[in-house]
């Protein structure tokens, strides 16, 4: 359990300087986001994954996306390949928290309760999850995701 957490922290530390150095802070208005904007984006990504809508999922993610899981680190292409081998039947979120350490970066943490299989194995349960959303070219995209099954 410590290994995925350490990988998550290292990845966050590695990508943070890139996004903190990207220009001026967002002005209030249509380019600024709030907690519900980020939560809606996260839910849209889960819906696209559940419905195996690879193009919709890809459109929500940064081309530099990474996911960190117990089985390893995944690129966007690896996530899309895994989508075809999984069956996400149902999910729900709780304990949602969204913070904006920078106007162009949102960090979301939550618990995800899901019923799913991956590679034919049942992976249902509750997961502690986290995502980083960044604003690129005026659009919010997912840059990072991690989840660890609770004990």
N, C-alpha and C. Protein backbone atom coordinates (compact mmCIF):
# COMPACT_ATOMS: atom_id res chain seq x y z
N UNK A 1 0.81 -1.18 0.00
CA UNK A 1 0.00 0.00 0.00
C UNK A 1 0.86 1.26 0.00
N UNK A 2 2.04 1.20 0.59
CA UNK A 2 2.92 2.35 0.61
C UNK A 2 3.49 2.65 -0.77
N UNK A 3 3.75 1.62 -1.56
CA UNK A 3 4.37 1.81 -2.87
C UNK A 3 3.49 2.66 -3.80
N UNK A 4 2.17 2.36 -3.95
CA UNK A 4 1.35 3.22 -4.82
C UNK A 4 1.27 4.66 -4.30
N UNK A 5 1.20 4.82 -2.97
CA UNK A 5 1.15 6.16 -2.40
C UNK A 5 2.43 6.92 -2.71
N UNK A 6 3.56 6.28 -2.56
CA UNK A 6 4.85 6.92 -2.84
C UNK A 6 4.94 7.27 -4.32
N UNK A 7 4.51 6.35 -5.21
CA UNK A 7 4.51 6.64 -6.65
C UNK A 7 3.61 7.83 -6.96
N UNK A 8 2.46 7.89 -6.31
CA UNK A 8 1.53 9.00 -6.51
C UNK A 8 2.19 10.32 -6.11
N UNK A 9 2.80 10.35 -4.94
CA UNK A 9 3.46 11.56 -4.46
C UNK A 9 4.59 12.00 -5.39
N UNK A 10 5.38 11.06 -5.84
CA UNK A 10 6.49 11.37 -6.74
C UNK A 10 5.96 11.95 -8.05
N UNK A 11 4.90 11.35 -8.57
CA UNK A 11 4.32 11.83 -9.82
C UNK A 11 3.76 13.24 -9.65
N UNK A 12 3.04 13.48 -8.56
CA UNK A 12 2.51 14.81 -8.31
C UNK A 12 3.63 15.84 -8.20
N UNK A 13 4.68 15.48 -7.50
CA UNK A 13 5.81 16.40 -7.38
C UNK A 13 6.49 16.65 -8.72
N UNK A 14 6.49 15.64 -9.57
CA UNK A 14 7.13 15.79 -10.87
C UNK A 14 6.32 16.66 -11.82
N UNK A 15 4.99 16.55 -11.78
CA UNK A 15 4.19 17.32 -12.74
C UNK A 15 3.82 18.71 -12.23
N UNK A 16 3.83 18.93 -10.93
CA UNK A 16 3.42 20.22 -10.38
C UNK A 16 4.20 21.40 -10.95
N UNK A 17 5.53 21.36 -11.03
CA UNK A 17 6.25 22.52 -11.56
C UNK A 17 5.87 22.84 -13.01
N UNK A 18 5.54 21.85 -13.77
CA UNK A 18 5.16 22.07 -15.17
C UNK A 18 3.91 22.93 -15.24
N UNK A 19 2.92 22.60 -14.42
CA UNK A 19 1.65 23.30 -14.49
C UNK A 19 1.67 24.61 -13.72
N UNK A 20 2.48 24.72 -12.69
CA UNK A 20 2.57 25.98 -11.96
C UNK A 20 3.27 27.05 -12.79
N UNK A 21 4.07 26.65 -13.74
CA UNK A 21 4.83 27.61 -14.54
C UNK A 21 4.14 27.98 -15.84
N UNK A 22 2.90 27.57 -16.04
CA UNK A 22 2.23 27.80 -17.31
C UNK A 22 1.46 29.11 -17.34
N UNK A 23 2.15 30.21 -17.37
CA UNK A 23 1.50 31.48 -17.64
C UNK A 23 0.77 32.09 -16.46
N UNK A 24 -0.11 33.06 -16.83
CA UNK A 24 -0.83 33.85 -15.84
C UNK A 24 -1.97 33.05 -15.23
N UNK A 25 -2.33 33.39 -13.99
CA UNK A 25 -3.47 32.72 -13.38
C UNK A 25 -4.75 32.99 -14.17
N UNK A 26 -5.68 32.04 -14.08
CA UNK A 26 -6.95 32.20 -14.78
C UNK A 26 -7.75 33.32 -14.15
N UNK A 27 -8.42 34.11 -14.98
CA UNK A 27 -9.29 35.16 -14.48
C UNK A 27 -10.64 34.56 -14.17
N UNK A 28 -11.34 35.21 -13.26
CA UNK A 28 -12.69 34.75 -12.95
C UNK A 28 -13.53 34.86 -14.21
N UNK A 29 -14.41 33.93 -14.38
CA UNK A 29 -15.24 33.93 -15.57
C UNK A 29 -15.30 32.55 -16.17
N UNK A 30 -15.46 32.49 -17.49
CA UNK A 30 -15.69 31.19 -18.11
C UNK A 30 -14.47 30.27 -18.08
N UNK A 31 -13.25 30.79 -17.92
CA UNK A 31 -12.09 29.92 -17.87
C UNK A 31 -11.81 29.40 -16.47
N UNK A 32 -12.36 30.06 -15.46
CA UNK A 32 -12.16 29.62 -14.09
C UNK A 32 -13.08 28.43 -13.80
N UNK A 33 -12.62 27.56 -12.93
CA UNK A 33 -13.42 26.39 -12.58
C UNK A 33 -13.80 26.46 -11.12
N UNK A 34 -14.80 25.69 -10.76
CA UNK A 34 -15.15 25.54 -9.36
C UNK A 34 -15.25 24.05 -9.06
N UNK A 35 -15.58 23.74 -7.83
CA UNK A 35 -15.61 22.34 -7.41
C UNK A 35 -16.56 21.51 -8.27
N UNK A 36 -17.73 22.04 -8.59
CA UNK A 36 -18.69 21.25 -9.36
C UNK A 36 -18.22 21.03 -10.80
N UNK A 37 -17.49 21.98 -11.36
CA UNK A 37 -16.94 21.80 -12.72
C UNK A 37 -16.01 20.59 -12.74
N UNK A 38 -15.11 20.52 -11.77
CA UNK A 38 -14.14 19.43 -11.72
C UNK A 38 -14.84 18.10 -11.41
N UNK A 39 -15.78 18.12 -10.47
CA UNK A 39 -16.52 16.91 -10.14
C UNK A 39 -17.28 16.39 -11.36
N UNK A 40 -17.89 17.29 -12.11
CA UNK A 40 -18.62 16.89 -13.33
C UNK A 40 -17.68 16.29 -14.37
N UNK A 41 -16.49 16.86 -14.51
CA UNK A 41 -15.51 16.31 -15.44
C UNK A 41 -15.08 14.90 -15.02
N UNK A 42 -14.84 14.72 -13.74
CA UNK A 42 -14.44 13.40 -13.23
C UNK A 42 -15.53 12.37 -13.50
N UNK A 43 -16.78 12.75 -13.22
CA UNK A 43 -17.90 11.84 -13.47
C UNK A 43 -18.03 11.55 -14.96
N UNK A 44 -17.80 12.54 -15.80
CA UNK A 44 -17.85 12.32 -17.26
C UNK A 44 -16.79 11.31 -17.70
N UNK A 45 -15.61 11.40 -17.10
CA UNK A 45 -14.54 10.45 -17.44
C UNK A 45 -14.94 9.04 -17.01
N UNK A 46 -15.51 8.89 -15.83
CA UNK A 46 -15.96 7.57 -15.37
C UNK A 46 -17.08 7.04 -16.25
N UNK A 47 -18.01 7.89 -16.66
CA UNK A 47 -19.10 7.45 -17.54
C UNK A 47 -18.56 6.99 -18.89
N UNK A 48 -17.62 7.74 -19.45
CA UNK A 48 -17.02 7.35 -20.73
C UNK A 48 -16.32 6.01 -20.59
N UNK A 49 -15.61 5.81 -19.48
CA UNK A 49 -14.91 4.54 -19.24
C UNK A 49 -15.93 3.41 -19.10
N UNK A 50 -16.97 3.65 -18.31
CA UNK A 50 -18.01 2.64 -18.07
C UNK A 50 -18.66 2.22 -19.39
N UNK A 51 -18.93 3.19 -20.24
CA UNK A 51 -19.62 2.93 -21.51
C UNK A 51 -18.67 2.60 -22.65
N UNK A 52 -17.39 2.44 -22.32
CA UNK A 52 -16.35 2.08 -23.29
C UNK A 52 -16.32 3.05 -24.48
N UNK A 53 -16.45 4.34 -24.16
CA UNK A 53 -16.40 5.40 -25.16
C UNK A 53 -14.98 5.97 -25.17
N UNK A 54 -14.12 5.29 -25.88
CA UNK A 54 -12.70 5.64 -25.87
C UNK A 54 -12.45 7.06 -26.36
N UNK A 55 -13.13 7.48 -27.41
CA UNK A 55 -12.91 8.84 -27.93
C UNK A 55 -13.34 9.90 -26.93
N UNK A 56 -14.47 9.68 -26.27
CA UNK A 56 -14.94 10.63 -25.26
C UNK A 56 -13.97 10.68 -24.08
N UNK A 57 -13.49 9.52 -23.63
CA UNK A 57 -12.54 9.47 -22.53
C UNK A 57 -11.25 10.20 -22.91
N UNK A 58 -10.75 9.90 -24.10
CA UNK A 58 -9.50 10.51 -24.57
C UNK A 58 -9.63 12.03 -24.67
N UNK A 59 -10.80 12.51 -25.08
CA UNK A 59 -11.02 13.95 -25.21
C UNK A 59 -10.98 14.66 -23.86
N UNK A 60 -11.26 13.94 -22.79
CA UNK A 60 -11.25 14.52 -21.45
C UNK A 60 -9.86 14.53 -20.82
N UNK A 61 -8.92 13.79 -21.39
CA UNK A 61 -7.61 13.63 -20.79
C UNK A 61 -6.52 14.39 -21.54
N UNK A 62 -5.49 14.75 -20.81
CA UNK A 62 -4.30 15.34 -21.40
C UNK A 62 -3.55 14.26 -22.18
N UNK A 63 -2.89 14.66 -23.24
CA UNK A 63 -2.07 13.67 -23.97
C UNK A 63 -0.91 13.19 -23.09
N UNK A 64 -0.60 13.94 -22.04
CA UNK A 64 0.47 13.58 -21.09
C UNK A 64 -0.09 12.91 -19.83
N UNK A 65 -1.28 12.35 -19.91
CA UNK A 65 -1.95 11.71 -18.77
C UNK A 65 -1.14 10.51 -18.26
N UNK A 66 -1.18 10.34 -16.93
CA UNK A 66 -0.63 9.14 -16.29
C UNK A 66 -1.58 8.70 -15.18
N UNK A 67 -1.68 7.38 -15.02
CA UNK A 67 -2.43 6.79 -13.93
C UNK A 67 -1.48 5.91 -13.13
N UNK A 68 -1.64 5.93 -11.81
CA UNK A 68 -0.79 5.12 -10.94
C UNK A 68 -1.69 4.17 -10.15
N UNK A 69 -1.43 2.89 -10.30
CA UNK A 69 -2.23 1.85 -9.68
C UNK A 69 -1.31 0.81 -9.06
N UNK A 70 -1.88 -0.12 -8.31
CA UNK A 70 -1.08 -1.17 -7.68
C UNK A 70 -0.29 -1.97 -8.71
N UNK A 71 -0.89 -2.16 -9.89
CA UNK A 71 -0.22 -2.96 -10.93
C UNK A 71 0.80 -2.16 -11.75
N UNK A 72 0.86 -0.86 -11.55
CA UNK A 72 1.87 -0.08 -12.25
C UNK A 72 1.38 1.28 -12.72
N UNK A 73 2.24 1.94 -13.47
CA UNK A 73 1.96 3.26 -14.02
C UNK A 73 1.46 3.09 -15.45
N UNK A 74 0.38 3.81 -15.79
CA UNK A 74 -0.22 3.67 -17.12
C UNK A 74 -0.26 5.01 -17.84
N UNK A 75 -0.01 4.95 -19.13
CA UNK A 75 -0.19 6.10 -20.00
C UNK A 75 -1.65 6.14 -20.44
N UNK A 76 -2.02 7.16 -21.18
CA UNK A 76 -3.37 7.25 -21.71
C UNK A 76 -3.67 6.07 -22.62
N UNK A 77 -2.73 5.69 -23.47
CA UNK A 77 -2.94 4.55 -24.36
C UNK A 77 -3.17 3.25 -23.58
N UNK A 78 -2.45 3.06 -22.48
CA UNK A 78 -2.64 1.87 -21.65
C UNK A 78 -4.01 1.88 -20.98
N UNK A 79 -4.47 3.05 -20.53
CA UNK A 79 -5.81 3.17 -19.94
C UNK A 79 -6.87 2.77 -20.96
N UNK A 80 -6.71 3.27 -22.19
CA UNK A 80 -7.68 2.95 -23.24
C UNK A 80 -7.67 1.47 -23.56
N UNK A 81 -6.51 0.84 -23.57
CA UNK A 81 -6.42 -0.60 -23.83
C UNK A 81 -7.10 -1.39 -22.71
N UNK A 82 -6.92 -0.94 -21.46
CA UNK A 82 -7.55 -1.62 -20.32
C UNK A 82 -9.06 -1.44 -20.32
N UNK A 83 -9.53 -0.34 -20.89
CA UNK A 83 -10.97 -0.09 -20.96
C UNK A 83 -11.68 -1.25 -21.68
N UNK A 84 -11.06 -1.74 -22.73
CA UNK A 84 -11.66 -2.82 -23.52
C UNK A 84 -11.70 -4.13 -22.75
N UNK A 85 -10.81 -4.29 -21.75
CA UNK A 85 -10.72 -5.54 -21.00
C UNK A 85 -11.44 -5.48 -19.65
N UNK A 86 -12.19 -4.39 -19.42
CA UNK A 86 -12.85 -4.25 -18.12
C UNK A 86 -14.35 -4.06 -18.30
N UNK A 87 -15.06 -4.29 -17.22
CA UNK A 87 -16.51 -4.11 -17.21
C UNK A 87 -16.87 -3.37 -15.94
N UNK A 88 -17.05 -2.06 -16.05
CA UNK A 88 -17.46 -1.23 -14.93
C UNK A 88 -19.00 -1.17 -14.96
N UNK A 89 -19.63 -1.91 -14.06
CA UNK A 89 -21.09 -2.01 -14.07
C UNK A 89 -21.76 -0.88 -13.32
N UNK A 90 -21.17 -0.45 -12.21
CA UNK A 90 -21.78 0.60 -11.41
C UNK A 90 -20.70 1.26 -10.55
N UNK A 91 -20.93 2.53 -10.20
CA UNK A 91 -19.98 3.24 -9.33
C UNK A 91 -20.71 4.40 -8.66
N UNK A 92 -20.16 4.84 -7.56
CA UNK A 92 -20.65 6.04 -6.88
C UNK A 92 -19.47 6.70 -6.16
N UNK A 93 -19.58 8.01 -5.97
CA UNK A 93 -18.54 8.78 -5.30
C UNK A 93 -19.06 9.25 -3.94
N UNK A 94 -18.15 9.37 -2.99
CA UNK A 94 -18.46 9.99 -1.70
C UNK A 94 -17.21 10.70 -1.19
N UNK A 95 -17.38 11.48 -0.16
CA UNK A 95 -16.27 12.22 0.49
C UNK A 95 -15.45 13.02 -0.53
N UNK A 96 -16.12 13.68 -1.44
CA UNK A 96 -15.44 14.44 -2.50
C UNK A 96 -14.86 15.74 -1.94
N UNK A 97 -13.61 15.97 -2.28
CA UNK A 97 -12.94 17.23 -1.94
C UNK A 97 -12.18 17.70 -3.18
N UNK A 98 -12.29 18.98 -3.47
CA UNK A 98 -11.57 19.57 -4.60
C UNK A 98 -10.85 20.81 -4.09
N UNK A 99 -9.56 20.89 -4.36
CA UNK A 99 -8.78 22.08 -4.02
C UNK A 99 -8.07 22.58 -5.28
N UNK A 100 -7.78 23.88 -5.29
CA UNK A 100 -7.10 24.51 -6.40
C UNK A 100 -5.79 25.11 -5.91
N UNK A 101 -4.70 24.31 -5.96
CA UNK A 101 -3.41 24.83 -5.51
C UNK A 101 -2.88 25.92 -6.45
N UNK A 102 -3.45 26.01 -7.62
CA UNK A 102 -3.12 27.00 -8.64
C UNK A 102 -4.38 27.21 -9.46
N UNK A 103 -4.63 28.40 -9.99
CA UNK A 103 -5.85 28.62 -10.76
C UNK A 103 -6.03 27.69 -11.96
N UNK A 104 -4.94 27.12 -12.45
CA UNK A 104 -5.03 26.21 -13.59
C UNK A 104 -4.83 24.75 -13.21
N UNK A 105 -4.99 24.45 -11.91
CA UNK A 105 -4.82 23.08 -11.44
C UNK A 105 -5.83 22.78 -10.34
N UNK A 106 -6.49 21.63 -10.48
CA UNK A 106 -7.42 21.17 -9.45
C UNK A 106 -7.02 19.77 -9.01
N UNK A 107 -7.06 19.54 -7.72
CA UNK A 107 -6.77 18.23 -7.16
C UNK A 107 -8.06 17.75 -6.49
N UNK A 108 -8.53 16.59 -6.93
CA UNK A 108 -9.77 16.02 -6.41
C UNK A 108 -9.47 14.71 -5.70
N UNK A 109 -10.00 14.56 -4.50
CA UNK A 109 -9.89 13.29 -3.78
C UNK A 109 -11.31 12.83 -3.43
N UNK A 110 -11.51 11.51 -3.40
CA UNK A 110 -12.83 10.97 -3.12
C UNK A 110 -12.74 9.46 -2.91
N UNK A 111 -13.83 8.90 -2.42
CA UNK A 111 -13.97 7.45 -2.34
C UNK A 111 -14.86 7.03 -3.50
N UNK A 112 -14.44 5.99 -4.20
CA UNK A 112 -15.24 5.45 -5.31
C UNK A 112 -15.64 4.03 -4.93
N UNK A 113 -16.93 3.80 -4.89
CA UNK A 113 -17.44 2.45 -4.64
C UNK A 113 -17.87 1.91 -6.00
N UNK A 114 -17.31 0.76 -6.37
CA UNK A 114 -17.61 0.26 -7.70
C UNK A 114 -17.87 -1.23 -7.73
N UNK A 115 -18.60 -1.61 -8.77
CA UNK A 115 -18.81 -3.01 -9.10
C UNK A 115 -18.22 -3.18 -10.49
N UNK A 116 -17.16 -4.00 -10.57
CA UNK A 116 -16.45 -4.11 -11.84
C UNK A 116 -15.61 -5.37 -11.90
N UNK A 117 -15.24 -5.70 -13.13
CA UNK A 117 -14.26 -6.75 -13.37
C UNK A 117 -13.18 -6.19 -14.28
N UNK A 118 -11.99 -6.73 -14.16
CA UNK A 118 -10.86 -6.37 -15.03
C UNK A 118 -10.14 -7.67 -15.37
N UNK A 119 -9.95 -7.91 -16.63
CA UNK A 119 -9.33 -9.16 -17.08
C UNK A 119 -10.06 -10.38 -16.50
N UNK A 120 -11.38 -10.26 -16.36
CA UNK A 120 -12.18 -11.37 -15.85
C UNK A 120 -12.18 -11.54 -14.34
N UNK A 121 -11.43 -10.70 -13.61
CA UNK A 121 -11.36 -10.80 -12.15
C UNK A 121 -12.24 -9.72 -11.52
N UNK A 122 -12.93 -10.11 -10.45
CA UNK A 122 -13.77 -9.15 -9.73
C UNK A 122 -12.87 -8.16 -8.98
N UNK A 123 -13.06 -6.88 -9.25
CA UNK A 123 -12.30 -5.83 -8.56
C UNK A 123 -13.23 -4.90 -7.79
N UNK A 124 -14.46 -5.35 -7.55
CA UNK A 124 -15.46 -4.54 -6.85
C UNK A 124 -14.96 -4.17 -5.47
N UNK A 125 -15.38 -3.01 -5.00
CA UNK A 125 -15.00 -2.56 -3.67
C UNK A 125 -14.98 -1.06 -3.57
N UNK A 126 -14.41 -0.58 -2.50
CA UNK A 126 -14.27 0.86 -2.28
C UNK A 126 -12.81 1.24 -2.46
N UNK A 127 -12.60 2.31 -3.19
CA UNK A 127 -11.25 2.77 -3.51
C UNK A 127 -11.06 4.21 -3.05
N UNK A 128 -9.90 4.50 -2.47
CA UNK A 128 -9.50 5.88 -2.23
C UNK A 128 -8.90 6.36 -3.55
N UNK A 129 -9.47 7.44 -4.07
CA UNK A 129 -9.09 7.89 -5.41
C UNK A 129 -8.65 9.34 -5.41
N UNK A 130 -7.82 9.68 -6.38
CA UNK A 130 -7.38 11.05 -6.54
C UNK A 130 -7.11 11.35 -7.99
N UNK A 131 -7.44 12.56 -8.40
CA UNK A 131 -7.21 12.99 -9.78
C UNK A 131 -6.69 14.42 -9.78
N UNK A 132 -5.89 14.71 -10.78
CA UNK A 132 -5.40 16.07 -11.01
C UNK A 132 -5.93 16.52 -12.36
N UNK A 133 -6.60 17.66 -12.37
CA UNK A 133 -7.11 18.27 -13.59
C UNK A 133 -6.36 19.57 -13.81
N UNK A 134 -5.96 19.82 -15.04
CA UNK A 134 -5.21 21.04 -15.37
C UNK A 134 -5.87 21.74 -16.55
N UNK A 135 -5.69 23.03 -16.58
CA UNK A 135 -6.23 23.79 -17.70
C UNK A 135 -5.15 23.92 -18.76
N UNK A 136 -5.46 23.43 -19.95
CA UNK A 136 -4.54 23.51 -21.09
C UNK A 136 -5.31 24.10 -22.26
N UNK A 137 -4.82 25.21 -22.80
CA UNK A 137 -5.48 25.83 -23.93
C UNK A 137 -6.91 26.23 -23.63
N UNK A 138 -7.20 26.65 -22.40
CA UNK A 138 -8.53 27.07 -22.01
C UNK A 138 -9.49 25.94 -21.69
N UNK A 139 -9.01 24.70 -21.72
CA UNK A 139 -9.86 23.54 -21.47
C UNK A 139 -9.30 22.75 -20.29
N UNK A 140 -10.18 22.26 -19.41
CA UNK A 140 -9.76 21.41 -18.30
C UNK A 140 -9.63 19.98 -18.78
N UNK A 141 -8.46 19.36 -18.49
CA UNK A 141 -8.20 17.98 -18.89
C UNK A 141 -7.59 17.22 -17.72
N UNK A 142 -7.85 15.92 -17.69
CA UNK A 142 -7.29 15.07 -16.66
C UNK A 142 -5.82 14.78 -16.96
N UNK A 143 -4.97 15.03 -15.97
CA UNK A 143 -3.53 14.81 -16.15
C UNK A 143 -3.02 13.61 -15.35
N UNK A 144 -3.77 13.26 -14.29
CA UNK A 144 -3.28 12.23 -13.38
C UNK A 144 -4.45 11.61 -12.64
N UNK A 145 -4.38 10.30 -12.41
CA UNK A 145 -5.38 9.61 -11.60
C UNK A 145 -4.71 8.47 -10.85
N UNK A 146 -5.17 8.24 -9.64
CA UNK A 146 -4.70 7.10 -8.88
C UNK A 146 -5.84 6.58 -8.01
N UNK A 147 -5.80 5.31 -7.70
CA UNK A 147 -6.77 4.73 -6.79
C UNK A 147 -6.17 3.52 -6.10
N UNK A 148 -6.55 3.36 -4.83
CA UNK A 148 -6.06 2.24 -4.02
C UNK A 148 -7.27 1.64 -3.31
N UNK A 149 -7.42 0.33 -3.42
CA UNK A 149 -8.55 -0.34 -2.78
C UNK A 149 -8.40 -0.26 -1.27
N UNK A 150 -9.49 0.07 -0.59
CA UNK A 150 -9.45 0.16 0.86
C UNK A 150 -9.39 -1.23 1.47
N UNK A 151 -8.86 -1.31 2.66
CA UNK A 151 -8.74 -2.59 3.35
C UNK A 151 -10.00 -2.92 4.12
